[in-house]
């Protein structure tokens, strides 16, 4: 896998929108990872929502946060502040 994925801005927006809609429609809270798959025609499908994703140095959530410029301590703080 590549993080961030080498897609154009429009495709990234499409993928992020589907992931956000999935998160909201499932009523998720805190951190969750929505796994998606894309076919050769760029149709995007939801595979699953992982409601307890890993948080080790090699896990995907910290890697995705790092790709967005968010440090691991800041990520942990954001997660704690987001839970009601």
Protein backbone atom coordinates (compact mmCIF):
# COMPACT_ATOMS: atom_id res chain seq x y z
CA UNK A 1 0.00 0.00 0.00
CA UNK A 2 0.96 3.62 -0.43
CA UNK A 3 0.27 6.33 2.09
CA UNK A 4 -0.79 8.74 0.82
CA UNK A 5 -2.25 6.99 -2.19
CA UNK A 6 -1.08 8.33 -5.57
CA UNK A 7 -4.52 9.49 -6.75
CA UNK A 8 -5.69 12.80 -8.16
CA UNK A 9 -7.58 15.27 -5.97
CA UNK A 10 -11.02 14.40 -7.40
CA UNK A 11 -10.62 10.68 -6.70
CA UNK A 12 -9.29 11.36 -3.20
CA UNK A 13 -12.32 13.56 -2.49
CA UNK A 14 -14.65 10.79 -3.75
CA UNK A 15 -12.97 8.20 -1.53
CA UNK A 16 -12.94 10.47 1.53
CA UNK A 17 -16.61 11.34 1.02
CA UNK A 18 -17.61 7.67 0.93
CA UNK A 19 -15.52 6.92 4.03
CA UNK A 20 -17.08 9.85 5.93
CA UNK A 21 -20.61 8.88 4.89
CA UNK A 22 -19.94 5.31 6.04
CA UNK A 23 -18.60 6.51 9.41
CA UNK A 24 -21.63 8.75 9.98
CA UNK A 25 -24.23 6.26 8.74
CA UNK A 26 -22.88 3.59 11.10
CA UNK A 27 -22.99 6.04 14.01
CA UNK A 28 -19.30 5.59 14.79
CA UNK A 29 -17.41 7.65 17.37
CA UNK A 30 -13.75 8.21 18.10
CA UNK A 31 -11.31 6.65 15.68
CA UNK A 32 -12.38 4.03 13.16
CA UNK A 33 -10.86 2.94 9.88
CA UNK A 34 -13.10 2.44 6.85
CA UNK A 35 -11.51 0.01 4.40
CA UNK A 36 -12.34 0.49 0.75
CA UNK A 37 -11.62 -1.21 -2.54
CA UNK A 38 -11.53 0.32 -6.01
CA UNK A 39 -11.94 -1.42 -9.35
CA UNK A 40 -10.24 -0.53 -12.63
CA UNK A 41 -13.07 1.91 -13.49
CA UNK A 42 -12.52 3.81 -10.22
CA UNK A 43 -15.76 2.54 -8.66
CA UNK A 44 -15.18 2.57 -4.92
CA UNK A 45 -16.70 0.01 -2.55
CA UNK A 46 -16.75 -0.21 1.24
CA UNK A 47 -15.28 -3.46 2.54
CA UNK A 48 -15.59 -2.92 6.29
CA UNK A 49 -15.38 -0.45 9.11
CA UNK A 50 -12.77 -1.34 11.71
CA UNK A 51 -13.96 0.17 14.98
CA UNK A 52 -10.88 -0.88 16.95
CA UNK A 53 -7.97 -0.18 14.60
CA UNK A 54 -4.41 -0.77 15.74
CA UNK A 55 -2.43 2.04 17.30
CA UNK A 56 1.12 0.68 17.19
CA UNK A 57 3.98 2.29 15.30
CA UNK A 58 3.29 0.00 12.32
CA UNK A 59 -0.52 0.35 12.34
CA UNK A 60 -2.41 2.14 9.58
CA UNK A 61 -4.12 4.86 11.67
CA UNK A 62 -0.85 6.36 12.96
CA UNK A 63 0.66 6.08 9.46
CA UNK A 64 -2.31 7.89 7.92
CA UNK A 65 -2.11 10.59 10.59
CA UNK A 66 1.63 11.01 9.98
CA UNK A 67 0.94 11.44 6.25
CA UNK A 68 -1.35 14.32 7.24
CA UNK A 69 1.36 15.85 9.45
CA UNK A 70 -0.21 14.69 12.74
CA UNK A 71 2.24 13.31 15.31
CA UNK A 72 1.39 10.20 17.33
CA UNK A 73 0.99 12.17 20.61
CA UNK A 74 -1.26 14.70 18.86
CA UNK A 75 -3.29 11.86 17.32
CA UNK A 76 -3.84 10.31 20.76
CA UNK A 77 -4.90 13.70 22.13
CA UNK A 78 -7.33 14.21 19.23
CA UNK A 79 -8.87 10.78 19.80
CA UNK A 80 -9.31 11.39 23.52
CA UNK A 81 -10.89 14.79 22.92
CA UNK A 82 -13.29 13.42 20.29
CA UNK A 83 -14.96 10.84 22.55
CA UNK A 84 -17.97 12.18 24.36
